[in-house]
Amino acid sequence: MKITVNGNSHNTQANNLEDLLIELEYKGKIATALNENFVPLNERKNTVLKYDDRVEIVAPMEGG
């Protein structure tokens, strides 16, 4: 299925947001949004992905 991840087109086999993060090898503390709506950690497994969805994944950066 084709979705957009952080502005880039991506083909995925993931059916939900949690599986997408595993597929993309994201670990640690991150924030997620689907179609510009924040998705909390405890809702990622139940957040179903659909064709042409827009996912944003943000990881904190050290420094200042």
N, C-alpha and C. Protein backbone atom coordinates (compact mmCIF):
# COMPACT_ATOMS: atom_id res chain seq x y z
N MET A 1 0.84 -1.17 0.00
CA MET A 1 0.00 0.00 0.00
C MET A 1 0.89 1.23 0.00
N LYS A 2 0.49 2.25 -0.73
CA LYS A 2 1.26 3.49 -0.81
C LYS A 2 0.76 4.48 0.25
N ILE A 3 1.72 4.97 1.06
CA ILE A 3 1.44 6.03 2.03
C ILE A 3 2.57 7.05 1.93
N THR A 4 2.44 8.13 2.64
CA THR A 4 3.50 9.13 2.72
C THR A 4 4.03 9.15 4.15
N VAL A 5 5.35 9.03 4.30
CA VAL A 5 5.99 9.06 5.61
C VAL A 5 6.97 10.23 5.62
N ASN A 6 6.74 11.17 6.51
CA ASN A 6 7.59 12.36 6.63
C ASN A 6 7.82 13.03 5.28
N GLY A 7 6.75 13.11 4.48
CA GLY A 7 6.81 13.82 3.20
C GLY A 7 7.31 12.99 2.03
N ASN A 8 7.70 11.73 2.27
CA ASN A 8 8.22 10.89 1.21
C ASN A 8 7.27 9.72 0.94
N SER A 9 7.07 9.40 -0.33
CA SER A 9 6.23 8.27 -0.70
C SER A 9 6.87 6.98 -0.22
N HIS A 10 6.03 6.07 0.30
CA HIS A 10 6.54 4.82 0.86
C HIS A 10 5.54 3.70 0.61
N ASN A 11 6.02 2.56 0.17
CA ASN A 11 5.17 1.37 0.04
C ASN A 11 5.36 0.52 1.28
N THR A 12 4.26 0.07 1.86
CA THR A 12 4.32 -0.70 3.10
C THR A 12 3.38 -1.90 3.07
N GLN A 13 3.73 -2.90 3.84
CA GLN A 13 2.85 -4.04 4.07
C GLN A 13 2.15 -3.90 5.43
N ALA A 14 2.53 -2.87 6.20
CA ALA A 14 1.97 -2.67 7.54
C ALA A 14 0.49 -2.31 7.46
N ASN A 15 -0.28 -2.87 8.39
CA ASN A 15 -1.71 -2.57 8.45
C ASN A 15 -2.05 -1.53 9.49
N ASN A 16 -1.12 -1.31 10.44
CA ASN A 16 -1.37 -0.31 11.48
C ASN A 16 -0.09 0.48 11.74
N LEU A 17 -0.23 1.53 12.50
CA LEU A 17 0.89 2.44 12.74
C LEU A 17 2.02 1.76 13.51
N GLU A 18 1.69 0.93 14.49
CA GLU A 18 2.73 0.24 15.25
C GLU A 18 3.58 -0.66 14.33
N ASP A 19 2.92 -1.41 13.46
CA ASP A 19 3.65 -2.28 12.54
C ASP A 19 4.52 -1.48 11.57
N LEU A 20 4.04 -0.30 11.16
CA LEU A 20 4.84 0.56 10.28
C LEU A 20 6.12 0.99 10.98
N LEU A 21 6.02 1.38 12.24
CA LEU A 21 7.20 1.81 12.99
C LEU A 21 8.21 0.67 13.12
N ILE A 22 7.73 -0.55 13.31
CA ILE A 22 8.61 -1.72 13.38
C ILE A 22 9.27 -1.93 12.02
N GLU A 23 8.47 -1.86 10.96
CA GLU A 23 9.00 -2.03 9.60
C GLU A 23 10.09 -1.01 9.29
N LEU A 24 9.89 0.22 9.73
CA LEU A 24 10.86 1.30 9.46
C LEU A 24 11.99 1.35 10.48
N GLU A 25 11.96 0.43 11.45
CA GLU A 25 12.98 0.29 12.48
C GLU A 25 13.12 1.51 13.38
N TYR A 26 11.99 2.14 13.70
CA TYR A 26 11.99 3.23 14.68
C TYR A 26 11.95 2.63 16.06
N LYS A 27 12.82 3.13 16.95
CA LYS A 27 12.87 2.67 18.33
C LYS A 27 13.03 3.88 19.25
N GLY A 28 12.71 3.69 20.49
CA GLY A 28 12.89 4.77 21.45
C GLY A 28 11.70 5.71 21.46
N LYS A 29 11.93 6.89 21.99
CA LYS A 29 10.87 7.87 22.14
C LYS A 29 10.64 8.60 20.83
N ILE A 30 9.42 8.52 20.34
CA ILE A 30 9.04 9.22 19.12
C ILE A 30 7.61 9.71 19.27
N ALA A 31 7.27 10.69 18.46
CA ALA A 31 5.89 11.18 18.38
C ALA A 31 5.37 10.84 16.99
N THR A 32 4.08 10.51 16.92
CA THR A 32 3.51 10.13 15.64
C THR A 32 2.22 10.90 15.37
N ALA A 33 1.97 11.12 14.08
CA ALA A 33 0.71 11.74 13.64
C ALA A 33 0.26 11.04 12.37
N LEU A 34 -1.05 10.92 12.23
CA LEU A 34 -1.64 10.34 11.03
C LEU A 34 -2.60 11.37 10.46
N ASN A 35 -2.34 11.77 9.23
CA ASN A 35 -3.17 12.79 8.57
C ASN A 35 -3.33 14.03 9.45
N GLU A 36 -2.21 14.46 10.03
CA GLU A 36 -2.10 15.68 10.84
C GLU A 36 -2.79 15.58 12.20
N ASN A 37 -3.13 14.37 12.64
CA ASN A 37 -3.71 14.16 13.96
C ASN A 37 -2.75 13.34 14.81
N PHE A 38 -2.40 13.86 15.99
CA PHE A 38 -1.49 13.18 16.90
C PHE A 38 -2.04 11.81 17.27
N VAL A 39 -1.15 10.80 17.27
CA VAL A 39 -1.53 9.44 17.67
C VAL A 39 -0.68 9.06 18.89
N PRO A 40 -1.29 8.91 20.07
CA PRO A 40 -0.54 8.53 21.26
C PRO A 40 0.01 7.10 21.16
N LEU A 41 1.04 6.84 21.92
CA LEU A 41 1.69 5.54 21.95
C LEU A 41 0.70 4.39 22.12
N ASN A 42 -0.21 4.51 23.06
CA ASN A 42 -1.13 3.41 23.35
C ASN A 42 -2.22 3.21 22.29
N GLU A 43 -2.28 4.07 21.27
CA GLU A 43 -3.27 3.93 20.20
C GLU A 43 -2.66 3.49 18.87
N ARG A 44 -1.35 3.35 18.81
CA ARG A 44 -0.69 3.05 17.53
C ARG A 44 -1.10 1.69 16.97
N LYS A 45 -1.23 0.68 17.81
CA LYS A 45 -1.59 -0.66 17.31
C LYS A 45 -3.00 -0.67 16.74
N ASN A 46 -3.88 0.16 17.26
CA ASN A 46 -5.27 0.21 16.79
C ASN A 46 -5.50 1.25 15.70
N THR A 47 -4.44 1.95 15.29
CA THR A 47 -4.56 2.96 14.25
C THR A 47 -4.30 2.33 12.90
N VAL A 48 -5.37 2.06 12.18
CA VAL A 48 -5.31 1.37 10.89
C VAL A 48 -4.83 2.34 9.81
N LEU A 49 -3.91 1.85 8.97
CA LEU A 49 -3.41 2.63 7.85
C LEU A 49 -4.24 2.34 6.61
N LYS A 50 -4.44 3.39 5.80
CA LYS A 50 -5.18 3.25 4.55
C LYS A 50 -4.35 3.85 3.42
N TYR A 51 -4.65 3.41 2.21
CA TYR A 51 -3.96 3.93 1.02
C TYR A 51 -3.97 5.45 1.04
N ASP A 52 -2.81 6.03 0.77
CA ASP A 52 -2.61 7.48 0.64
C ASP A 52 -2.62 8.24 1.98
N ASP A 53 -2.56 7.52 3.12
CA ASP A 53 -2.43 8.20 4.42
C ASP A 53 -1.12 8.96 4.48
N ARG A 54 -1.09 9.98 5.34
CA ARG A 54 0.12 10.76 5.60
C ARG A 54 0.54 10.54 7.05
N VAL A 55 1.74 9.99 7.23
CA VAL A 55 2.28 9.70 8.56
C VAL A 55 3.47 10.61 8.82
N GLU A 56 3.50 11.20 10.00
CA GLU A 56 4.66 11.99 10.43
C GLU A 56 5.24 11.30 11.66
N ILE A 57 6.57 11.13 11.65
CA ILE A 57 7.27 10.51 12.77
C ILE A 57 8.37 11.48 13.18
N VAL A 58 8.37 11.85 14.46
CA VAL A 58 9.35 12.82 14.95
C VAL A 58 10.07 12.22 16.14
N ALA A 59 11.39 12.26 16.10
CA ALA A 59 12.22 11.78 17.20
C ALA A 59 12.92 12.99 17.83
N PRO A 60 13.01 13.02 19.17
CA PRO A 60 13.70 14.14 19.83
C PRO A 60 15.18 14.13 19.49
N MET A 61 15.76 15.32 19.44
CA MET A 61 17.20 15.45 19.15
C MET A 61 17.89 16.09 20.34
N GLU A 62 19.09 15.62 20.62
CA GLU A 62 19.87 16.21 21.70
C GLU A 62 20.59 17.45 21.20
N GLY A 63 20.92 18.31 22.11
CA GLY A 63 21.66 19.51 21.74
C GLY A 63 20.82 20.74 21.93
N GLY A 64 21.35 21.86 21.51
CA GLY A 64 20.58 23.08 21.73
C GLY A 64 20.97 24.20 20.89
